[in-house]
């Protein structure tokens, strides 16, 4: 049985994870016929709950005098920063303080990131 996809759950990987979990529930429940929808919706709830607990990692990559830094940031503490404020090749004023990389935004505010990778 193929269950209809819920809105926003169109990722093939997500659908496959739900299918695998629904199959596990079916087999663990004694392979009882007629519980397809129940197994699917339980599997979907479990997989979606699990996927929501993994935070999305947001990052910027900048080249500072030949050293490439990747700085991750939390969107909740980014003071309204949205990807696209800078374009590739833009000169961005930066400052480093320990493992923190601060980038001066076009509006004058700073985006604070944590350096997770340094090349060069």
PDB file of N, CA and C in Angstrom:
ATOM      1  N   UNK A   1       0.853  -1.189   0.000  1.00  0.00           N
ATOM      2  CA  UNK A   1       0.000   0.000   0.000  1.00  0.00           C
ATOM      3  C   UNK A   1       0.888   1.238   0.000  1.00  0.00           C
ATOM      4  N   UNK A   2       0.598   2.211  -0.829  1.00  0.00           N
ATOM      5  CA  UNK A   2       1.339   3.465  -0.880  1.00  0.00           C
ATOM      6  C   UNK A   2       0.475   4.525  -0.224  1.00  0.00           C
ATOM      7  N   UNK A   3       1.013   5.142   0.812  1.00  0.00           N
ATOM      8  CA  UNK A   3       0.266   6.177   1.520  1.00  0.00           C
ATOM      9  C   UNK A   3       0.531   7.524   0.853  1.00  0.00           C
ATOM     10  N   UNK A   4      -0.442   8.396   0.918  1.00  0.00           N
ATOM     11  CA  UNK A   4      -0.303   9.724   0.357  1.00  0.00           C
ATOM     12  C   UNK A   4       0.703  10.514   1.189  1.00  0.00           C
ATOM     13  N   UNK A   5       1.498  11.283   0.503  1.00  0.00           N
ATOM     14  CA  UNK A   5       2.509  12.081   1.199  1.00  0.00           C
ATOM     15  C   UNK A   5       1.865  13.293   1.856  1.00  0.00           C
ATOM     16  N   UNK A   6       2.311  13.544   3.075  1.00  0.00           N
ATOM     17  CA  UNK A   6       1.835  14.747   3.764  1.00  0.00           C
ATOM     18  C   UNK A   6       2.550  15.958   3.182  1.00  0.00           C
ATOM     19  N   UNK A   7       1.907  17.136   3.173  1.00  0.00           N
ATOM     20  CA  UNK A   7       2.557  18.340   2.649  1.00  0.00           C
ATOM     21  C   UNK A   7       3.884  18.583   3.356  1.00  0.00           C
ATOM     22  N   UNK A   8       4.917  18.925   2.575  1.00  0.00           N
ATOM     23  CA  UNK A   8       6.219  19.220   3.145  1.00  0.00           C
ATOM     24  C   UNK A   8       7.062  17.991   3.397  1.00  0.00           C
ATOM     25  N   UNK A   9       6.521  16.808   3.146  1.00  0.00           N
ATOM     26  CA  UNK A   9       7.274  15.572   3.379  1.00  0.00           C
ATOM     27  C   UNK A   9       7.604  14.909   2.049  1.00  0.00           C
ATOM     28  N   UNK A  10       8.029  15.670   1.068  1.00  0.00           N
ATOM     29  CA  UNK A  10       8.230  15.139  -0.263  1.00  0.00           C
ATOM     30  C   UNK A  10       9.631  14.612  -0.512  1.00  0.00           C
ATOM     31  N   UNK A  11      10.504  14.677   0.444  1.00  0.00           N
ATOM     32  CA  UNK A  11      11.860  14.170   0.271  1.00  0.00           C
ATOM     33  C   UNK A  11      11.814  12.658   0.085  1.00  0.00           C
ATOM     34  N   UNK A  12      12.439  12.160  -0.980  1.00  0.00           N
ATOM     35  CA  UNK A  12      12.476  10.703  -1.165  1.00  0.00           C
ATOM     36  C   UNK A  12      13.135   9.980   0.008  1.00  0.00           C
ATOM     37  N   UNK A  13      14.154  10.595   0.592  1.00  0.00           N
ATOM     38  CA  UNK A  13      14.828   9.980   1.739  1.00  0.00           C
ATOM     39  C   UNK A  13      13.893   9.899   2.938  1.00  0.00           C
ATOM     40  N   UNK A  14      13.118  10.937   3.149  1.00  0.00           N
ATOM     41  CA  UNK A  14      12.179  10.945   4.262  1.00  0.00           C
ATOM     42  C   UNK A  14      11.082   9.905   4.033  1.00  0.00           C
ATOM     43  N   UNK A  15      10.566   9.837   2.823  1.00  0.00           N
ATOM     44  CA  UNK A  15       9.536   8.855   2.508  1.00  0.00           C
ATOM     45  C   UNK A  15      10.062   7.428   2.679  1.00  0.00           C
ATOM     46  N   UNK A  16      11.309   7.203   2.290  1.00  0.00           N
ATOM     47  CA  UNK A  16      11.899   5.867   2.448  1.00  0.00           C
ATOM     48  C   UNK A  16      12.073   5.524   3.921  1.00  0.00           C
ATOM     49  N   UNK A  17      12.476   6.491   4.735  1.00  0.00           N
ATOM     50  CA  UNK A  17      12.620   6.249   6.174  1.00  0.00           C
ATOM     51  C   UNK A  17      11.264   5.905   6.798  1.00  0.00           C
ATOM     52  N   UNK A  18      10.225   6.600   6.365  1.00  0.00           N
ATOM     53  CA  UNK A  18       8.875   6.316   6.876  1.00  0.00           C
ATOM     54  C   UNK A  18       8.435   4.920   6.439  1.00  0.00           C
ATOM     55  N   UNK A  19       8.680   4.585   5.182  1.00  0.00           N
ATOM     56  CA  UNK A  19       8.308   3.259   4.674  1.00  0.00           C
ATOM     57  C   UNK A  19       9.000   2.144   5.456  1.00  0.00           C
ATOM     58  N   UNK A  20      10.314   2.327   5.703  1.00  0.00           N
ATOM     59  CA  UNK A  20      11.054   1.311   6.470  1.00  0.00           C
ATOM     60  C   UNK A  20      10.496   1.174   7.877  1.00  0.00           C
ATOM     61  N   UNK A  21      10.204   2.305   8.513  1.00  0.00           N
ATOM     62  CA  UNK A  21       9.676   2.259   9.878  1.00  0.00           C
ATOM     63  C   UNK A  21       8.290   1.634   9.901  1.00  0.00           C
ATOM     64  N   UNK A  22       7.453   1.936   8.929  1.00  0.00           N
ATOM     65  CA  UNK A  22       6.110   1.339   8.860  1.00  0.00           C
ATOM     66  C   UNK A  22       6.213  -0.173   8.683  1.00  0.00           C
ATOM     67  N   UNK A  23       7.168  -0.626   7.882  1.00  0.00           N
ATOM     68  CA  UNK A  23       7.382  -2.064   7.698  1.00  0.00           C
ATOM     69  C   UNK A  23       7.817  -2.710   9.011  1.00  0.00           C
ATOM     70  N   UNK A  24       8.709  -2.036   9.751  1.00  0.00           N
ATOM     71  CA  UNK A  24       9.133  -2.558  11.064  1.00  0.00           C
ATOM     72  C   UNK A  24       7.938  -2.687  12.002  1.00  0.00           C
ATOM     73  N   UNK A  25       7.099  -1.659  12.020  1.00  0.00           N
ATOM     74  CA  UNK A  25       5.922  -1.694  12.888  1.00  0.00           C
ATOM     75  C   UNK A  25       4.979  -2.828  12.480  1.00  0.00           C
ATOM     76  N   UNK A  26       4.796  -3.023  11.186  1.00  0.00           N
ATOM     77  CA  UNK A  26       3.942  -4.103  10.670  1.00  0.00           C
ATOM     78  C   UNK A  26       4.478  -5.463  11.120  1.00  0.00           C
ATOM     79  N   UNK A  27       5.781  -5.663  10.934  1.00  0.00           N
ATOM     80  CA  UNK A  27       6.380  -6.954  11.299  1.00  0.00           C
ATOM     81  C   UNK A  27       6.376  -7.160  12.814  1.00  0.00           C
ATOM     82  N   UNK A  28       6.704  -6.126  13.559  1.00  0.00           N
ATOM     83  CA  UNK A  28       6.728  -6.231  15.019  1.00  0.00           C
ATOM     84  C   UNK A  28       5.328  -6.467  15.584  1.00  0.00           C
ATOM     85  N   UNK A  29       4.321  -5.969  14.885  1.00  0.00           N
ATOM     86  CA  UNK A  29       2.940  -6.133  15.327  1.00  0.00           C
ATOM     87  C   UNK A  29       2.326  -7.447  14.889  1.00  0.00           C
ATOM     88  N   UNK A  30       3.146  -8.373  14.422  1.00  0.00           N
ATOM     89  CA  UNK A  30       2.638  -9.681  14.037  1.00  0.00           C
ATOM     90  C   UNK A  30       2.151  -9.761  12.607  1.00  0.00           C
ATOM     91  N   UNK A  31       2.526  -8.808  11.783  1.00  0.00           N
ATOM     92  CA  UNK A  31       2.153  -8.792  10.361  1.00  0.00           C
ATOM     93  C   UNK A  31       0.635  -8.892  10.174  1.00  0.00           C
ATOM     94  N   UNK A  32      -0.095  -8.156  11.002  1.00  0.00           N
ATOM     95  CA  UNK A  32      -1.557  -8.164  10.942  1.00  0.00           C
ATOM     96  C   UNK A  32      -2.022  -7.279   9.787  1.00  0.00           C
ATOM     97  N   UNK A  33      -2.786  -7.874   8.882  1.00  0.00           N
ATOM     98  CA  UNK A  33      -3.308  -7.124   7.736  1.00  0.00           C
ATOM     99  C   UNK A  33      -4.348  -6.107   8.193  1.00  0.00           C
ATOM    100  N   UNK A  34      -4.507  -5.041   7.403  1.00  0.00           N
ATOM    101  CA  UNK A  34      -5.537  -4.046   7.688  1.00  0.00           C
ATOM    102  C   UNK A  34      -5.084  -2.901   8.575  1.00  0.00           C
ATOM    103  N   UNK A  35      -3.812  -2.893   8.978  1.00  0.00           N
ATOM    104  CA  UNK A  35      -3.309  -1.804   9.833  1.00  0.00           C
ATOM    105  C   UNK A  35      -2.313  -0.935   9.077  1.00  0.00           C
ATOM    106  N   UNK A  36      -2.381  -0.974   7.751  1.00  0.00           N
ATOM    107  CA  UNK A  36      -1.423  -0.231   6.929  1.00  0.00           C
ATOM    108  C   UNK A  36      -1.403   1.260   7.282  1.00  0.00           C
ATOM    109  N   UNK A  37      -2.586   1.863   7.286  1.00  0.00           N
ATOM    110  CA  UNK A  37      -2.665   3.301   7.554  1.00  0.00           C
ATOM    111  C   UNK A  37      -2.183   3.621   8.961  1.00  0.00           C
ATOM    112  N   UNK A  38      -2.606   2.826   9.923  1.00  0.00           N
ATOM    113  CA  UNK A  38      -2.184   3.047  11.309  1.00  0.00           C
ATOM    114  C   UNK A  38      -0.656   2.966  11.429  1.00  0.00           C
ATOM    115  N   UNK A  39      -0.062   1.927  10.826  1.00  0.00           N
ATOM    116  CA  UNK A  39       1.395   1.770  10.868  1.00  0.00           C
ATOM    117  C   UNK A  39       2.091   2.931  10.163  1.00  0.00           C
ATOM    118  N   UNK A  40       1.536   3.326   9.015  1.00  0.00           N
ATOM    119  CA  UNK A  40       2.152   4.419   8.251  1.00  0.00           C
ATOM    120  C   UNK A  40       2.127   5.720   9.054  1.00  0.00           C
ATOM    121  N   UNK A  41       0.983   6.066   9.615  1.00  0.00           N
ATOM    122  CA  UNK A  41       0.889   7.339  10.341  1.00  0.00           C
ATOM    123  C   UNK A  41       1.730   7.340  11.609  1.00  0.00           C
ATOM    124  N   UNK A  42       1.833   6.203  12.266  1.00  0.00           N
ATOM    125  CA  UNK A  42       2.707   6.118  13.441  1.00  0.00           C
ATOM    126  C   UNK A  42       4.160   6.269  13.006  1.00  0.00           C
ATOM    127  N   UNK A  43       4.534   5.589  11.927  1.00  0.00           N
ATOM    128  CA  UNK A  43       5.904   5.684  11.422  1.00  0.00           C
ATOM    129  C   UNK A  43       6.223   7.112  11.005  1.00  0.00           C
ATOM    130  N   UNK A  44       5.282   7.754  10.321  1.00  0.00           N
ATOM    131  CA  UNK A  44       5.486   9.133   9.884  1.00  0.00           C
ATOM    132  C   UNK A  44       5.700  10.050  11.088  1.00  0.00           C
ATOM    133  N   UNK A  45       4.887   9.899  12.117  1.00  0.00           N
ATOM    134  CA  UNK A  45       5.031  10.731  13.321  1.00  0.00           C
ATOM    135  C   UNK A  45       6.390  10.514  13.976  1.00  0.00           C
ATOM    136  N   UNK A  46       6.814   9.264  14.072  1.00  0.00           N
ATOM    137  CA  UNK A  46       8.104   8.966  14.704  1.00  0.00           C
ATOM    138  C   UNK A  46       9.268   9.528  13.901  1.00  0.00           C
ATOM    139  N   UNK A  47       9.238   9.321  12.588  1.00  0.00           N
ATOM    140  CA  UNK A  47      10.336   9.795  11.739  1.00  0.00           C
ATOM    141  C   UNK A  47      10.384  11.316  11.716  1.00  0.00           C
ATOM    142  N   UNK A  48       9.231  11.967  11.605  1.00  0.00           N
ATOM    143  CA  UNK A  48       9.218  13.433  11.599  1.00  0.00           C
ATOM    144  C   UNK A  48       9.672  14.011  12.934  1.00  0.00           C
ATOM    145  N   UNK A  49       9.248  13.388  14.026  1.00  0.00           N
ATOM    146  CA  UNK A  49       9.686  13.845  15.347  1.00  0.00           C
ATOM    147  C   UNK A  49      11.204  13.741  15.450  1.00  0.00           C
ATOM    148  N   UNK A  50      11.758  12.631  14.993  1.00  0.00           N
ATOM    149  CA  UNK A  50      13.209  12.435  15.021  1.00  0.00           C
ATOM    150  C   UNK A  50      13.920  13.450  14.138  1.00  0.00           C
ATOM    151  N   UNK A  51      13.377  13.715  12.954  1.00  0.00           N
ATOM    152  CA  UNK A  51      14.041  14.643  12.040  1.00  0.00           C
ATOM    153  C   UNK A  51      14.000  16.078  12.571  1.00  0.00           C
ATOM    154  N   UNK A  52      12.995  16.413  13.376  1.00  0.00           N
ATOM    155  CA  UNK A  52      12.891  17.767  13.929  1.00  0.00           C
ATOM    156  C   UNK A  52      13.893  18.009  15.051  1.00  0.00           C
ATOM    157  N   UNK A  53      14.392  16.953  15.657  1.00  0.00           N
ATOM    158  CA  UNK A  53      15.333  17.133  16.758  1.00  0.00           C
ATOM    159  C   UNK A  53      16.736  17.428  16.273  1.00  0.00           C
ATOM    160  N   UNK A  54      16.988  17.226  14.981  1.00  0.00           N
ATOM    161  CA  UNK A  54      18.303  17.520  14.419  1.00  0.00           C
ATOM    162  C   UNK A  54      18.289  18.941  13.883  1.00  0.00           C
ATOM    163  N   UNK A  55      19.044  19.817  14.512  1.00  0.00           N
ATOM    164  CA  UNK A  55      19.065  21.211  14.111  1.00  0.00           C
ATOM    165  C   UNK A  55      19.718  21.368  12.739  1.00  0.00           C
ATOM    166  N   UNK A  56      19.207  22.300  11.974  1.00  0.00           N
ATOM    167  CA  UNK A  56      19.794  22.622  10.685  1.00  0.00           C
ATOM    168  C   UNK A  56      21.051  23.449  10.946  1.00  0.00           C
ATOM    169  N   UNK A  57      22.130  23.048  10.316  1.00  0.00           N
ATOM    170  CA  UNK A  57      23.383  23.774  10.474  1.00  0.00           C
ATOM    171  C   UNK A  57      23.475  24.827   9.379  1.00  0.00           C
ATOM    172  N   UNK A  58      23.528  26.077   9.785  1.00  0.00           N
ATOM    173  CA  UNK A  58      23.640  27.188   8.840  1.00  0.00           C
ATOM    174  C   UNK A  58      25.066  27.715   8.922  1.00  0.00           C
ATOM    175  N   UNK A  59      25.625  28.054   7.767  1.00  0.00           N
ATOM    176  CA  UNK A  59      27.023  28.472   7.756  1.00  0.00           C
ATOM    177  C   UNK A  59      27.282  29.487   6.657  1.00  0.00           C
ATOM    178  N   UNK A  60      28.352  30.228   6.862  1.00  0.00           N
ATOM    179  CA  UNK A  60      28.895  31.118   5.836  1.00  0.00           C
ATOM    180  C   UNK A  60      30.348  30.715   5.627  1.00  0.00           C
ATOM    181  N   UNK A  61      30.825  30.930   4.415  1.00  0.00           N
ATOM    182  CA  UNK A  61      32.215  30.621   4.081  1.00  0.00           C
ATOM    183  C   UNK A  61      32.835  31.904   3.547  1.00  0.00           C
ATOM    184  N   UNK A  62      33.942  32.316   4.169  1.00  0.00           N
ATOM    185  CA  UNK A  62      34.612  33.550   3.744  1.00  0.00           C
ATOM    186  C   UNK A  62      36.108  33.304   3.613  1.00  0.00           C
ATOM    187  N   UNK A  63      36.699  34.051   2.691  1.00  0.00           N
ATOM    188  CA  UNK A  63      38.134  34.000   2.462  1.00  0.00           C
ATOM    189  C   UNK A  63      38.733  35.258   3.076  1.00  0.00           C
ATOM    190  N   UNK A  64      39.590  35.075   4.075  1.00  0.00           N
ATOM    191  CA  UNK A  64      40.235  36.199   4.750  1.00  0.00           C
ATOM    192  C   UNK A  64      41.738  36.085   4.510  1.00  0.00           C
ATOM    193  N   UNK A  65      42.240  36.927   3.608  1.00  0.00           N
ATOM    194  CA  UNK A  65      43.673  36.942   3.270  1.00  0.00           C
ATOM    195  C   UNK A  65      44.204  35.546   2.933  1.00  0.00           C
ATOM    196  N   UNK A  66      43.465  34.827   2.103  1.00  0.00           N
ATOM    197  CA  UNK A  66      43.901  33.509   1.653  1.00  0.00           C
ATOM    198  C   UNK A  66      43.540  32.351   2.566  1.00  0.00           C
ATOM    199  N   UNK A  67      42.940  32.630   3.719  1.00  0.00           N
ATOM    200  CA  UNK A  67      42.490  31.579   4.629  1.00  0.00           C
ATOM    201  C   UNK A  67      40.970  31.493   4.512  1.00  0.00           C
ATOM    202  N   UNK A  68      40.465  30.296   4.235  1.00  0.00           N
ATOM    203  CA  UNK A  68      39.017  30.106   4.065  1.00  0.00           C
ATOM    204  C   UNK A  68      38.433  29.604   5.383  1.00  0.00           C
ATOM    205  N   UNK A  69      37.502  30.370   5.911  1.00  0.00           N
ATOM    206  CA  UNK A  69      36.831  30.031   7.165  1.00  0.00           C
ATOM    207  C   UNK A  69      35.389  29.618   6.885  1.00  0.00           C
ATOM    208  N   UNK A  70      34.952  28.575   7.581  1.00  0.00           N
ATOM    209  CA  UNK A  70      33.536  28.216   7.590  1.00  0.00           C
ATOM    210  C   UNK A  70      33.041  28.528   8.989  1.00  0.00           C
ATOM    211  N   UNK A  71      32.051  29.402   9.075  1.00  0.00           N
ATOM    212  CA  UNK A  71      31.490  29.797  10.361  1.00  0.00           C
ATOM    213  C   UNK A  71      30.023  29.412  10.434  1.00  0.00           C
ATOM    214  N   UNK A  72      29.668  28.629  11.441  1.00  0.00           N
ATOM    215  CA  UNK A  72      28.261  28.247  11.634  1.00  0.00           C
ATOM    216  C   UNK A  72      27.589  29.233  12.570  1.00  0.00           C
ATOM    217  N   UNK A  73      26.270  29.409  12.356  1.00  0.00           N
ATOM    218  CA  UNK A  73      25.501  30.312  13.203  1.00  0.00           C
ATOM    219  C   UNK A  73      24.113  29.748  13.428  1.00  0.00           C
ATOM    220  N   UNK A  74      23.492  30.186  14.503  1.00  0.00           N
ATOM    221  CA  UNK A  74      22.112  29.813  14.822  1.00  0.00           C
ATOM    222  C   UNK A  74      21.203  30.882  14.243  1.00  0.00           C
ATOM    223  N   UNK A  75      20.206  30.467  13.469  1.00  0.00           N
ATOM    224  CA  UNK A  75      19.309  31.453  12.868  1.00  0.00           C
ATOM    225  C   UNK A  75      18.535  32.227  13.920  1.00  0.00           C
ATOM    226  N   UNK A  76      18.298  31.608  15.081  1.00  0.00           N
ATOM    227  CA  UNK A  76      17.530  32.278  16.135  1.00  0.00           C
ATOM    228  C   UNK A  76      18.311  33.422  16.773  1.00  0.00           C
ATOM    229  N   UNK A  77      19.632  33.406  16.651  1.00  0.00           N
ATOM    230  CA  UNK A  77      20.424  34.485  17.242  1.00  0.00           C
ATOM    231  C   UNK A  77      21.176  35.279  16.180  1.00  0.00           C
ATOM    232  N   UNK A  78      20.707  35.233  14.926  1.00  0.00           N
ATOM    233  CA  UNK A  78      21.399  35.904  13.828  1.00  0.00           C
ATOM    234  C   UNK A  78      20.900  37.324  13.590  1.00  0.00           C
ATOM    235  N   UNK A  79      20.060  37.836  14.475  1.00  0.00           N
ATOM    236  CA  UNK A  79      19.595  39.222  14.399  1.00  0.00           C
ATOM    237  C   UNK A  79      19.006  39.550  13.029  1.00  0.00           C
ATOM    238  N   UNK A  80      18.197  38.631  12.503  1.00  0.00           N
ATOM    239  CA  UNK A  80      17.524  38.886  11.244  1.00  0.00           C
ATOM    240  C   UNK A  80      18.342  38.619   9.994  1.00  0.00           C
ATOM    241  N   UNK A  81      19.546  38.093  10.131  1.00  0.00           N
ATOM    242  CA  UNK A  81      20.358  37.797   8.953  1.00  0.00           C
ATOM    243  C   UNK A  81      19.653  36.772   8.072  1.00  0.00           C
ATOM    244  N   UNK A  82      19.670  37.028   6.772  1.00  0.00           N
ATOM    245  CA  UNK A  82      19.128  36.097   5.794  1.00  0.00           C
ATOM    246  C   UNK A  82      20.197  35.813   4.748  1.00  0.00           C
ATOM    247  N   UNK A  83      20.384  34.556   4.395  1.00  0.00           N
ATOM    248  CA  UNK A  83      21.341  34.251   3.332  1.00  0.00           C
ATOM    249  C   UNK A  83      21.037  35.085   2.093  1.00  0.00           C
ATOM    250  N   UNK A  84      22.072  35.573   1.473  1.00  0.00           N
ATOM    251  CA  UNK A  84      21.908  36.409   0.289  1.00  0.00           C
ATOM    252  C   UNK A  84      22.213  37.869   0.544  1.00  0.00           C
ATOM    253  N   UNK A  85      22.471  38.242   1.806  1.00  0.00           N
ATOM    254  CA  UNK A  85      22.827  39.634   2.083  1.00  0.00           C
ATOM    255  C   UNK A  85      24.151  39.995   1.409  1.00  0.00           C
ATOM    256  N   UNK A  86      25.016  39.012   1.236  1.00  0.00           N
ATOM    257  CA  UNK A  86      26.273  39.202   0.529  1.00  0.00           C
ATOM    258  C   UNK A  86      26.247  38.382  -0.741  1.00  0.00           C
ATOM    259  N   UNK A  87      26.954  38.854  -1.736  1.00  0.00           N
ATOM    260  CA  UNK A  87      27.115  38.116  -2.982  1.00  0.00           C
ATOM    261  C   UNK A  87      28.566  37.644  -3.065  1.00  0.00           C
ATOM    262  N   UNK A  88      28.786  36.578  -3.821  1.00  0.00           N
ATOM    263  CA  UNK A  88      30.139  36.068  -3.991  1.00  0.00           C
ATOM    264  C   UNK A  88      31.032  37.189  -4.498  1.00  0.00           C
ATOM    265  N   UNK A  89      32.174  37.350  -3.851  1.00  0.00           N
ATOM    266  CA  UNK A  89      33.128  38.370  -4.236  1.00  0.00           C
ATOM    267  C   UNK A  89      32.996  39.673  -3.461  1.00  0.00           C
ATOM    268  N   UNK A  90      31.922  39.848  -2.685  1.00  0.00           N
ATOM    269  CA  UNK A  90      31.762  41.061  -1.877  1.00  0.00           C
ATOM    270  C   UNK A  90      32.892  41.165  -0.854  1.00  0.00           C
ATOM    271  N   UNK A  91      33.363  42.388  -0.633  1.00  0.00           N
ATOM    272  CA  UNK A  91      34.323  42.643   0.450  1.00  0.00           C
ATOM    273  C   UNK A  91      33.522  42.739   1.745  1.00  0.00           C
ATOM    274  N   UNK A  92      33.855  41.882   2.707  1.00  0.00           N
ATOM    275  CA  UNK A  92      33.103  41.830   3.960  1.00  0.00           C
ATOM    276  C   UNK A  92      34.054  42.129   5.112  1.00  0.00           C
ATOM    277  N   UNK A  93      33.794  43.191   5.868  1.00  0.00           N
ATOM    278  CA  UNK A  93      34.627  43.441   7.049  1.00  0.00           C
ATOM    279  C   UNK A  93      34.413  42.318   8.071  1.00  0.00           C
ATOM    280  N   UNK A  94      35.506  41.729   8.534  1.00  0.00           N
ATOM    281  CA  UNK A  94      35.430  40.637   9.503  1.00  0.00           C
ATOM    282  C   UNK A  94      36.372  40.902  10.663  1.00  0.00           C
ATOM    283  N   UNK A  95      36.087  40.223  11.768  1.00  0.00           N
ATOM    284  CA  UNK A  95      37.032  40.204  12.887  1.00  0.00           C
ATOM    285  C   UNK A  95      36.970  38.827  13.524  1.00  0.00           C
ATOM    286  N   UNK A  96      38.107  38.385  14.008  1.00  0.00           N
ATOM    287  CA  UNK A  96      38.219  37.091  14.663  1.00  0.00           C
ATOM    288  C   UNK A  96      38.481  37.300  16.143  1.00  0.00           C
ATOM    289  N   UNK A  97      37.850  36.483  16.965  1.00  0.00           N
ATOM    290  CA  UNK A  97      38.073  36.508  18.416  1.00  0.00           C
ATOM    291  C   UNK A  97      37.967  35.065  18.906  1.00  0.00           C
ATOM    292  N   UNK A  98      39.110  34.405  19.072  1.00  0.00           N
ATOM    293  CA  UNK A  98      39.096  32.998  19.478  1.00  0.00           C
ATOM    294  C   UNK A  98      38.483  32.158  18.376  1.00  0.00           C
ATOM    295  N   UNK A  99      37.463  31.379  18.721  1.00  0.00           N
ATOM    296  CA  UNK A  99      36.803  30.548  17.711  1.00  0.00           C
ATOM    297  C   UNK A  99      35.598  31.250  17.098  1.00  0.00           C
ATOM    298  N   UNK A 100      35.464  32.540  17.332  1.00  0.00           N
ATOM    299  CA  UNK A 100      34.336  33.312  16.789  1.00  0.00           C
ATOM    300  C   UNK A 100      34.801  34.139  15.593  1.00  0.00           C
ATOM    301  N   UNK A 101      33.953  34.194  14.585  1.00  0.00           N
ATOM    302  CA  UNK A 101      34.167  35.014  13.400  1.00  0.00           C
ATOM    303  C   UNK A 101      32.969  35.943  13.299  1.00  0.00           C
ATOM    304  N   UNK A 102      33.238  37.234  13.293  1.00  0.00           N
ATOM    305  CA  UNK A 102      32.178  38.243  13.217  1.00  0.00           C
ATOM    306  C   UNK A 102      32.235  38.896  11.841  1.00  0.00           C
ATOM    307  N   UNK A 103      31.096  38.934  11.180  1.00  0.00           N
ATOM    308  CA  UNK A 103      31.010  39.526   9.856  1.00  0.00           C
ATOM    309  C   UNK A 103      30.105  40.749   9.898  1.00  0.00           C
ATOM    310  N   UNK A 104      30.624  41.877   9.412  1.00  0.00           N
ATOM    311  CA  UNK A 104      29.838  43.115   9.391  1.00  0.00           C
ATOM    312  C   UNK A 104      28.844  43.039   8.233  1.00  0.00           C
ATOM    313  N   UNK A 105      27.570  43.155   8.573  1.00  0.00           N
ATOM    314  CA  UNK A 105      26.497  43.062   7.589  1.00  0.00           C
ATOM    315  C   UNK A 105      26.277  44.413   6.908  1.00  0.00           C
ATOM    316  N   UNK A 106      25.636  44.429   5.757  1.00  0.00           N
ATOM    317  CA  UNK A 106      25.372  45.691   5.059  1.00  0.00           C
ATOM    318  C   UNK A 106      24.601  46.707   5.910  1.00  0.00           C
ATOM    319  N   UNK A 107      23.781  46.214   6.866  1.00  0.00           N
ATOM    320  CA  UNK A 107      23.013  47.121   7.725  1.00  0.00           C
ATOM    321  C   UNK A 107      23.814  47.620   8.925  1.00  0.00           C
ATOM    322  N   UNK A 108      25.096  47.223   9.016  1.00  0.00           N
ATOM    323  CA  UNK A 108      25.963  47.677  10.104  1.00  0.00           C
ATOM    324  C   UNK A 108      26.016  46.727  11.288  1.00  0.00           C
ATOM    325  N   UNK A 109      25.078  45.807  11.405  1.00  0.00           N
ATOM    326  CA  UNK A 109      25.105  44.828  12.489  1.00  0.00           C
ATOM    327  C   UNK A 109      26.117  43.744  12.172  1.00  0.00           C
ATOM    328  N   UNK A 110      26.470  42.958  13.194  1.00  0.00           N
ATOM    329  CA  UNK A 110      27.407  41.860  12.996  1.00  0.00           C
ATOM    330  C   UNK A 110      26.692  40.513  13.068  1.00  0.00           C
ATOM    331  N   UNK A 111      27.142  39.603  12.229  1.00  0.00           N
ATOM    332  CA  UNK A 111      26.703  38.219  12.306  1.00  0.00           C
ATOM    333  C   UNK A 111      27.805  37.461  13.018  1.00  0.00           C
ATOM    334  N   UNK A 112      27.471  36.889  14.181  1.00  0.00           N
ATOM    335  CA  UNK A 112      28.453  36.109  14.953  1.00  0.00           C
ATOM    336  C   UNK A 112      28.369  34.657  14.542  1.00  0.00           C
ATOM    337  N   UNK A 113      29.512  34.081  14.179  1.00  0.00           N
ATOM    338  CA  UNK A 113      29.569  32.677  13.806  1.00  0.00           C
ATOM    339  C   UNK A 113      30.633  31.985  14.643  1.00  0.00           C
ATOM    340  N   UNK A 114      30.561  30.665  14.695  1.00  0.00           N
ATOM    341  CA  UNK A 114      31.583  29.856  15.338  1.00  0.00           C
ATOM    342  C   UNK A 114      32.364  29.161  14.241  1.00  0.00           C
ATOM    343  N   UNK A 115      33.680  29.363  14.236  1.00  0.00           N
ATOM    344  CA  UNK A 115      34.529  28.757  13.212  1.00  0.00           C
ATOM    345  C   UNK A 115      34.559  27.244  13.414  1.00  0.00           C
ATOM    346  N   UNK A 116      34.134  26.522  12.385  1.00  0.00           N
ATOM    347  CA  UNK A 116      34.131  25.056  12.450  1.00  0.00           C
ATOM    348  C   UNK A 116      35.144  24.465  11.483  1.00  0.00           C
ATOM    349  N   UNK A 117      35.666  25.297  10.578  1.00  0.00           N
ATOM    350  CA  UNK A 117      36.652  24.813   9.617  1.00  0.00           C
ATOM    351  C   UNK A 117      37.520  25.967   9.167  1.00  0.00           C
ATOM    352  N   UNK A 118      38.822  25.682   9.035  1.00  0.00           N
ATOM    353  CA  UNK A 118      39.785  26.682   8.594  1.00  0.00           C
ATOM    354  C   UNK A 118      40.718  25.997   7.604  1.00  0.00           C
ATOM    355  N   UNK A 119      40.823  26.543   6.411  1.00  0.00           N
ATOM    356  CA  UNK A 119      41.710  25.982   5.390  1.00  0.00           C
ATOM    357  C   UNK A 119      42.689  27.057   4.945  1.00  0.00           C
ATOM    358  N   UNK A 120      43.967  26.774   5.055  1.00  0.00           N
ATOM    359  CA  UNK A 120      44.987  27.687   4.584  1.00  0.00           C
ATOM    360  C   UNK A 120      45.863  28.246   5.636  1.00  0.00           C
TER     361      UNK A 120
END
